[in-house]
PDB file of N, CA and C in Angstrom:
ATOM      1  N   MET A   1     119.799 105.082  95.503  1.00  0.00           N
ATOM      2  CA  MET A   1     118.507 104.680  95.004  1.00  0.00           C
ATOM      3  C   MET A   1     117.479 104.768  96.130  1.00  0.00           C
ATOM      4  N   ALA A   2     116.296 105.212  95.809  1.00  0.00           N
ATOM      5  CA  ALA A   2     115.229 105.347  96.797  1.00  0.00           C
ATOM      6  C   ALA A   2     114.759 103.975  97.264  1.00  0.00           C
ATOM      7  N   TYR A   3     114.266 103.923  98.479  1.00  0.00           N
ATOM      8  CA  TYR A   3     113.727 102.688  99.032  1.00  0.00           C
ATOM      9  C   TYR A   3     112.281 102.930  99.436  1.00  0.00           C
ATOM     10  N   ILE A   4     111.410 102.067  98.993  1.00  0.00           N
ATOM     11  CA  ILE A   4     109.996 102.126  99.372  1.00  0.00           C
ATOM     12  C   ILE A   4     109.644 100.785  99.986  1.00  0.00           C
ATOM     13  N   ARG A   5     109.168 100.812 101.214  1.00  0.00           N
ATOM     14  CA  ARG A   5     108.790  99.582 101.900  1.00  0.00           C
ATOM     15  C   ARG A   5     107.581  98.967 101.209  1.00  0.00           C
ATOM     16  N   THR A   6     107.631  97.674 101.005  1.00  0.00           N
ATOM     17  CA  THR A   6     106.512  96.936 100.425  1.00  0.00           C
ATOM     18  C   THR A   6     106.247  95.695 101.258  1.00  0.00           C
ATOM     19  N   ILE A   7     105.111  95.094 101.016  1.00  0.00           N
ATOM     20  CA  ILE A   7     104.761  93.840 101.682  1.00  0.00           C
ATOM     21  C   ILE A   7     104.955  92.712 100.675  1.00  0.00           C
ATOM     22  N   ALA A   8     105.772  91.751 101.035  1.00  0.00           N
ATOM     23  CA  ALA A   8     106.056  90.613 100.165  1.00  0.00           C
ATOM     24  C   ALA A   8     104.807  89.745 100.005  1.00  0.00           C
ATOM     25  N   PRO A   9     104.657  89.089  98.872  1.00  0.00           N
ATOM     26  CA  PRO A   9     103.479  88.239  98.664  1.00  0.00           C
ATOM     27  C   PRO A   9     103.266  87.199  99.759  1.00  0.00           C
ATOM     28  N   GLU A  10     104.343  86.607 100.260  1.00  0.00           N
ATOM     29  CA  GLU A  10     104.191  85.590 101.305  1.00  0.00           C
ATOM     30  C   GLU A  10     103.785  86.177 102.655  1.00  0.00           C
ATOM     31  N   GLU A  11     103.856  87.483 102.813  1.00  0.00           N
ATOM     32  CA  GLU A  11     103.462  88.149 104.056  1.00  0.00           C
ATOM     33  C   GLU A  11     102.092  88.808 103.964  1.00  0.00           C
ATOM     34  N   ALA A  12     101.499  88.818 102.791  1.00  0.00           N
ATOM     35  CA  ALA A  12     100.217  89.508 102.582  1.00  0.00           C
ATOM     36  C   ALA A  12      99.078  88.764 103.261  1.00  0.00           C
ATOM     37  N   THR A  13      98.140  89.540 103.799  1.00  0.00           N
ATOM     38  CA  THR A  13      96.935  88.987 104.408  1.00  0.00           C
ATOM     39  C   THR A  13      95.738  89.812 103.954  1.00  0.00           C
ATOM     40  N   GLY A  14      94.565  89.293 104.203  1.00  0.00           N
ATOM     41  CA  GLY A  14      93.327  90.028 103.967  1.00  0.00           C
ATOM     42  C   GLY A  14      93.172  90.527 102.542  1.00  0.00           C
ATOM     43  N   GLU A  15      92.757  91.784 102.431  1.00  0.00           N
ATOM     44  CA  GLU A  15      92.483  92.400 101.132  1.00  0.00           C
ATOM     45  C   GLU A  15      93.724  92.410 100.233  1.00  0.00           C
ATOM     46  N   LEU A  16      94.885  92.689 100.809  1.00  0.00           N
ATOM     47  CA  LEU A  16      96.107  92.704 100.012  1.00  0.00           C
ATOM     48  C   LEU A  16      96.398  91.321  99.441  1.00  0.00           C
ATOM     49  N   LYS A  17      96.206  90.277 100.213  1.00  0.00           N
ATOM     50  CA  LYS A  17      96.418  88.915  99.709  1.00  0.00           C
ATOM     51  C   LYS A  17      95.485  88.631  98.541  1.00  0.00           C
ATOM     52  N   GLN A  18      94.266  89.110  98.611  1.00  0.00           N
ATOM     53  CA  GLN A  18      93.334  88.925  97.495  1.00  0.00           C
ATOM     54  C   GLN A  18      93.851  89.617  96.238  1.00  0.00           C
ATOM     55  N   HIS A  19      94.383  90.818  96.386  1.00  0.00           N
ATOM     56  CA  HIS A  19      94.941  91.543  95.245  1.00  0.00           C
ATOM     57  C   HIS A  19      96.158  90.803  94.686  1.00  0.00           C
ATOM     58  N   TYR A  20      97.019  90.331  95.562  1.00  0.00           N
ATOM     59  CA  TYR A  20      98.195  89.586  95.116  1.00  0.00           C
ATOM     60  C   TYR A  20      97.791  88.293  94.413  1.00  0.00           C
ATOM     61  N   ASP A  21      96.813  87.586  94.966  1.00  0.00           N
ATOM     62  CA  ASP A  21      96.335  86.352  94.332  1.00  0.00           C
ATOM     63  C   ASP A  21      95.780  86.639  92.939  1.00  0.00           C
ATOM     64  N   ALA A  22      95.055  87.750  92.797  1.00  0.00           N
ATOM     65  CA  ALA A  22      94.520  88.135  91.487  1.00  0.00           C
ATOM     66  C   ALA A  22      95.666  88.460  90.523  1.00  0.00           C
ATOM     67  N   ALA A  23      96.704  89.112  91.016  1.00  0.00           N
ATOM     68  CA  ALA A  23      97.865  89.427  90.174  1.00  0.00           C
ATOM     69  C   ALA A  23      98.550  88.145  89.716  1.00  0.00           C
ATOM     70  N   LEU A  24      98.684  87.185  90.620  1.00  0.00           N
ATOM     71  CA  LEU A  24      99.278  85.903  90.251  1.00  0.00           C
ATOM     72  C   LEU A  24      98.460  85.204  89.177  1.00  0.00           C
ATOM     73  N   LYS A  25      97.152  85.268  89.309  1.00  0.00           N
ATOM     74  CA  LYS A  25      96.274  84.638  88.323  1.00  0.00           C
ATOM     75  C   LYS A  25      96.389  85.343  86.961  1.00  0.00           C
ATOM     76  N   ARG A  26      96.461  86.676  86.980  1.00  0.00           N
ATOM     77  CA  ARG A  26      96.555  87.467  85.746  1.00  0.00           C
ATOM     78  C   ARG A  26      97.897  87.307  85.049  1.00  0.00           C
ATOM     79  N   ALA A  27      98.982  87.410  85.819  1.00  0.00           N
ATOM     80  CA  ALA A  27     100.306  87.548  85.211  1.00  0.00           C
ATOM     81  C   ALA A  27     101.299  86.463  85.620  1.00  0.00           C
ATOM     82  N   GLY A  28     100.928  85.621  86.555  1.00  0.00           N
ATOM     83  CA  GLY A  28     101.850  84.581  86.990  1.00  0.00           C
ATOM     84  C   GLY A  28     102.852  85.026  88.031  1.00  0.00           C
ATOM     85  N   ARG A  29     102.820  86.295  88.391  1.00  0.00           N
ATOM     86  CA  ARG A  29     103.692  86.847  89.435  1.00  0.00           C
ATOM     87  C   ARG A  29     103.136  88.180  89.903  1.00  0.00           C
ATOM     88  N   VAL A  30     103.665  88.679  91.013  1.00  0.00           N
ATOM     89  CA  VAL A  30     103.269  89.982  91.543  1.00  0.00           C
ATOM     90  C   VAL A  30     104.364  90.967  91.154  1.00  0.00           C
ATOM     91  N   PHE A  31     104.095  91.769  90.130  1.00  0.00           N
ATOM     92  CA  PHE A  31     105.087  92.728  89.660  1.00  0.00           C
ATOM     93  C   PHE A  31     105.275  93.853  90.675  1.00  0.00           C
ATOM     94  N   ASN A  32     106.429  94.507  90.608  1.00  0.00           N
ATOM     95  CA  ASN A  32     106.746  95.592  91.541  1.00  0.00           C
ATOM     96  C   ASN A  32     105.745  96.741  91.465  1.00  0.00           C
ATOM     97  N   ILE A  33     105.165  96.979  90.296  1.00  0.00           N
ATOM     98  CA  ILE A  33     104.180  98.058  90.175  1.00  0.00           C
ATOM     99  C   ILE A  33     102.973  97.795  91.087  1.00  0.00           C
ATOM    100  N   ILE A  34     102.699  96.530  91.363  1.00  0.00           N
ATOM    101  CA  ILE A  34     101.641  96.149  92.301  1.00  0.00           C
ATOM    102  C   ILE A  34     102.175  96.222  93.734  1.00  0.00           C
ATOM    103  N   ARG A  35     103.339  95.654  93.957  1.00  0.00           N
ATOM    104  CA  ARG A  35     103.916  95.607  95.319  1.00  0.00           C
ATOM    105  C   ARG A  35     104.150  96.992  95.898  1.00  0.00           C
ATOM    106  N   ILE A  36     104.489  97.959  95.048  1.00  0.00           N
ATOM    107  CA  ILE A  36     104.809  99.292  95.546  1.00  0.00           C
ATOM    108  C   ILE A  36     103.581  99.968  96.163  1.00  0.00           C
ATOM    109  N   GLN A  37     102.407  99.456  95.832  1.00  0.00           N
ATOM    110  CA  GLN A  37     101.168 100.008  96.373  1.00  0.00           C
ATOM    111  C   GLN A  37     100.612  99.163  97.527  1.00  0.00           C
ATOM    112  N   SER A  38     101.413  98.220  98.007  1.00  0.00           N
ATOM    113  CA  SER A  38     100.930  97.237  98.976  1.00  0.00           C
ATOM    114  C   SER A  38     100.551  97.815 100.335  1.00  0.00           C
ATOM    115  N   LEU A  39     101.071  98.969 100.685  1.00  0.00           N
ATOM    116  CA  LEU A  39     100.745  99.540 101.994  1.00  0.00           C
ATOM    117  C   LEU A  39      99.363 100.185 102.013  1.00  0.00           C
ATOM    118  N   HIS A  40      98.757 100.334 100.843  1.00  0.00           N
ATOM    119  CA  HIS A  40      97.429 100.948 100.766  1.00  0.00           C
ATOM    120  C   HIS A  40      96.583 100.198  99.736  1.00  0.00           C
ATOM    121  N   PRO A  41      95.980  99.073 100.152  1.00  0.00           N
ATOM    122  CA  PRO A  41      95.230  98.228  99.216  1.00  0.00           C
ATOM    123  C   PRO A  41      94.110  98.949  98.467  1.00  0.00           C
ATOM    124  N   ALA A  42      93.500  99.950  99.066  1.00  0.00           N
ATOM    125  CA  ALA A  42      92.430 100.677  98.368  1.00  0.00           C
ATOM    126  C   ALA A  42      92.992 101.419  97.153  1.00  0.00           C
ATOM    127  N   SER A  43      94.159 102.013  97.302  1.00  0.00           N
ATOM    128  CA  SER A  43      94.806 102.676  96.167  1.00  0.00           C
ATOM    129  C   SER A  43      95.240 101.658  95.120  1.00  0.00           C
ATOM    130  N   LEU A  44      95.720 100.522  95.566  1.00  0.00           N
ATOM    131  CA  LEU A  44      96.098  99.449  94.651  1.00  0.00           C
ATOM    132  C   LEU A  44      94.897  99.022  93.816  1.00  0.00           C
ATOM    133  N   GLU A  45      93.765  98.838  94.463  1.00  0.00           N
ATOM    134  CA  GLU A  45      92.556  98.441  93.739  1.00  0.00           C
ATOM    135  C   GLU A  45      92.159  99.502  92.714  1.00  0.00           C
ATOM    136  N   ALA A  46      92.200 100.776  93.100  1.00  0.00           N
ATOM    137  CA  ALA A  46      91.851 101.856  92.173  1.00  0.00           C
ATOM    138  C   ALA A  46      92.812 101.880  90.983  1.00  0.00           C
ATOM    139  N   SER A  47      94.086 101.651  91.242  1.00  0.00           N
ATOM    140  CA  SER A  47      95.078 101.645  90.173  1.00  0.00           C
ATOM    141  C   SER A  47      94.836 100.503  89.187  1.00  0.00           C
ATOM    142  N   VAL A  48      94.550  99.324  89.703  1.00  0.00           N
ATOM    143  CA  VAL A  48      94.284  98.166  88.842  1.00  0.00           C
ATOM    144  C   VAL A  48      93.018  98.404  88.026  1.00  0.00           C
ATOM    145  N   GLU A  49      91.999  98.964  88.646  1.00  0.00           N
ATOM    146  CA  GLU A  49      90.753  99.236  87.924  1.00  0.00           C
ATOM    147  C   GLU A  49      90.967 100.277  86.821  1.00  0.00           C
ATOM    148  N   LEU A  50      91.779 101.291  87.095  1.00  0.00           N
ATOM    149  CA  LEU A  50      92.089 102.284  86.069  1.00  0.00           C
ATOM    150  C   LEU A  50      92.806 101.614  84.898  1.00  0.00           C
ATOM    151  N   TYR A  51      93.805 100.789  85.200  1.00  0.00           N
ATOM    152  CA  TYR A  51      94.528 100.076  84.150  1.00  0.00           C
ATOM    153  C   TYR A  51      93.573  99.224  83.310  1.00  0.00           C
ATOM    154  N   LYS A  52      92.717  98.456  83.973  1.00  0.00           N
ATOM    155  CA  LYS A  52      91.790  97.583  83.237  1.00  0.00           C
ATOM    156  C   LYS A  52      90.838  98.400  82.376  1.00  0.00           C
ATOM    157  N   SER A  53      90.391  99.531  82.884  1.00  0.00           N
ATOM    158  CA  SER A  53      89.502 100.394  82.119  1.00  0.00           C
ATOM    159  C   SER A  53      90.196 100.954  80.885  1.00  0.00           C
ATOM    160  N   LEU A  54      91.425 101.412  81.059  1.00  0.00           N
ATOM    161  CA  LEU A  54      92.164 101.995  79.936  1.00  0.00           C
ATOM    162  C   LEU A  54      92.558 100.963  78.891  1.00  0.00           C
ATOM    163  N   MET A  55      92.925  99.783  79.327  1.00  0.00           N
ATOM    164  CA  MET A  55      93.484  98.795  78.407  1.00  0.00           C
ATOM    165  C   MET A  55      92.470  97.788  77.869  1.00  0.00           C
ATOM    166  N   HIS A  56      91.395  97.529  78.590  1.00  0.00           N
ATOM    167  CA  HIS A  56      90.507  96.429  78.214  1.00  0.00           C
ATOM    168  C   HIS A  56      89.102  96.845  77.781  1.00  0.00           C
ATOM    169  N   LYS A  57      88.649  97.989  78.204  1.00  0.00           N
ATOM    170  CA  LYS A  57      87.280  98.382  77.861  1.00  0.00           C
ATOM    171  C   LYS A  57      87.234  99.029  76.475  1.00  0.00           C
ATOM    172  N   PRO A  58      86.061  99.033  75.849  1.00  0.00           N
ATOM    173  CA  PRO A  58      85.937  99.639  74.516  1.00  0.00           C
ATOM    174  C   PRO A  58      86.383 101.103  74.523  1.00  0.00           C
ATOM    175  N   GLY A  59      86.985 101.510  73.424  1.00  0.00           N
ATOM    176  CA  GLY A  59      87.448 102.885  73.277  1.00  0.00           C
ATOM    177  C   GLY A  59      87.818 103.147  71.834  1.00  0.00           C
ATOM    178  N   PRO A  60      88.298 104.346  71.553  1.00  0.00           N
ATOM    179  CA  PRO A  60      88.602 104.704  70.163  1.00  0.00           C
ATOM    180  C   PRO A  60      89.825 103.980  69.596  1.00  0.00           C
ATOM    181  N   LEU A  61      90.703 103.468  70.458  1.00  0.00           N
ATOM    182  CA  LEU A  61      91.889 102.752  69.990  1.00  0.00           C
ATOM    183  C   LEU A  61      91.716 101.247  70.196  1.00  0.00           C
ATOM    184  N   ARG A  62      92.241 100.485  69.235  1.00  0.00           N
ATOM    185  CA  ARG A  62      92.222  99.032  69.389  1.00  0.00           C
ATOM    186  C   ARG A  62      93.148  98.640  70.538  1.00  0.00           C
ATOM    187  N   ARG A  63      92.911  97.475  71.113  1.00  0.00           N
ATOM    188  CA  ARG A  63      93.728  96.986  72.231  1.00  0.00           C
ATOM    189  C   ARG A  63      95.200  96.895  71.822  1.00  0.00           C
ATOM    190  N   ALA A  64      95.459  96.400  70.622  1.00  0.00           N
ATOM    191  CA  ALA A  64      96.843  96.262  70.155  1.00  0.00           C
ATOM    192  C   ALA A  64      97.539  97.624  70.097  1.00  0.00           C
ATOM    193  N   THR A  65      96.821  98.641  69.681  1.00  0.00           N
ATOM    194  CA  THR A  65      97.392  99.991  69.615  1.00  0.00           C
ATOM    195  C   THR A  65      97.700 100.506  71.020  1.00  0.00           C
ATOM    196  N   ARG A  66      96.809 100.254  71.950  1.00  0.00           N
ATOM    197  CA  ARG A  66      97.049 100.670  73.341  1.00  0.00           C
ATOM    198  C   ARG A  66      98.292  99.994  73.912  1.00  0.00           C
ATOM    199  N   GLU A  67      98.422  98.692  73.651  1.00  0.00           N
ATOM    200  CA  GLU A  67      99.588  97.953  74.139  1.00  0.00           C
ATOM    201  C   GLU A  67     100.873  98.490  73.501  1.00  0.00           C
ATOM    202  N   MET A  68     100.805  98.777  72.198  1.00  0.00           N
ATOM    203  CA  MET A  68     101.970  99.304  71.503  1.00  0.00           C
ATOM    204  C   MET A  68     102.382 100.654  72.093  1.00  0.00           C
ATOM    205  N   LEU A  69     101.419 101.521  72.363  1.00  0.00           N
ATOM    206  CA  LEU A  69     101.728 102.817  72.967  1.00  0.00           C
ATOM    207  C   LEU A  69     102.348 102.644  74.352  1.00  0.00           C
ATOM    208  N   ALA A  70     101.846 101.703  75.116  1.00  0.00           N
ATOM    209  CA  ALA A  70     102.405 101.448  76.444  1.00  0.00           C
ATOM    210  C   ALA A  70     103.861 100.993  76.341  1.00  0.00           C
ATOM    211  N   VAL A  71     104.157 100.145  75.369  1.00  0.00           N
ATOM    212  CA  VAL A  71     105.525  99.668  75.180  1.00  0.00           C
ATOM    213  C   VAL A  71     106.447 100.816  74.768  1.00  0.00           C
ATOM    214  N   VAL A  72     105.992 101.633  73.836  1.00  0.00           N
ATOM    215  CA  VAL A  72     106.812 102.756  73.360  1.00  0.00           C
ATOM    216  C   VAL A  72     107.101 103.739  74.498  1.00  0.00           C
ATOM    217  N   VAL A  73     106.087 104.086  75.264  1.00  0.00           N
ATOM    218  CA  VAL A  73     106.277 105.023  76.376  1.00  0.00           C
ATOM    219  C   VAL A  73     107.194 104.413  77.427  1.00  0.00           C
ATOM    220  N   SER A  74     106.985 103.129  77.765  1.00  0.00           N
ATOM    221  CA  SER A  74     107.840 102.473  78.749  1.00  0.00           C
ATOM    222  C   SER A  74     109.287 102.463  78.292  1.00  0.00           C
ATOM    223  N   ARG A  75     109.502 102.164  77.034  1.00  0.00           N
ATOM    224  CA  ARG A  75     110.869 102.143  76.502  1.00  0.00           C
ATOM    225  C   ARG A  75     111.507 103.524  76.547  1.00  0.00           C
ATOM    226  N   GLU A  76     110.734 104.523  76.144  1.00  0.00           N
ATOM    227  CA  GLU A  76     111.245 105.892  76.140  1.00  0.00           C
ATOM    228  C   GLU A  76     111.641 106.342  77.553  1.00  0.00           C
ATOM    229  N   LEU A  77     110.919 105.872  78.552  1.00  0.00           N
ATOM    230  CA  LEU A  77     111.178 106.248  79.946  1.00  0.00           C
ATOM    231  C   LEU A  77     112.123 105.284  80.654  1.00  0.00           C
ATOM    232  N   ASP A  78     112.678 104.333  79.888  1.00  0.00           N
ATOM    233  CA  ASP A  78     113.546 103.301  80.467  1.00  0.00           C
ATOM    234  C   ASP A  78     112.865 102.513  81.574  1.00  0.00           C
ATOM    235  N   CYS A  79     111.589 102.242  81.387  1.00  0.00           N
ATOM    236  CA  CYS A  79     110.806 101.438  82.315  1.00  0.00           C
ATOM    237  C   CYS A  79     110.610 100.066  81.669  1.00  0.00           C
ATOM    238  N   PHE A  80     111.009  99.024  82.350  1.00  0.00           N
ATOM    239  CA  PHE A  80     111.014  97.704  81.736  1.00  0.00           C
ATOM    240  C   PHE A  80     109.840  96.838  82.170  1.00  0.00           C
ATOM    241  N   TYR A  81     108.681  97.404  82.388  1.00  0.00           N
ATOM    242  CA  TYR A  81     107.504  96.602  82.713  1.00  0.00           C
ATOM    243  C   TYR A  81     106.876  96.131  81.437  1.00  0.00           C
TER     244      TYR A  81
END
């Protein structure tokens, strides 16, 4: 299995700590999809903003439909997020 170095939430400082704190507020924990981007906080921020734009902003699909599609794709790819 591949290994990718990450920064643990208890070791985060500065901008990364702010991102981790926001993740804790949003989801109650820092998921691996966030931690895997911990070595480059600017990319982490861009990724979170893309997610929020796709899932939360107005668009042609209802939010429930977007969530359902995310679940179906995750299941098909054996991704358990």
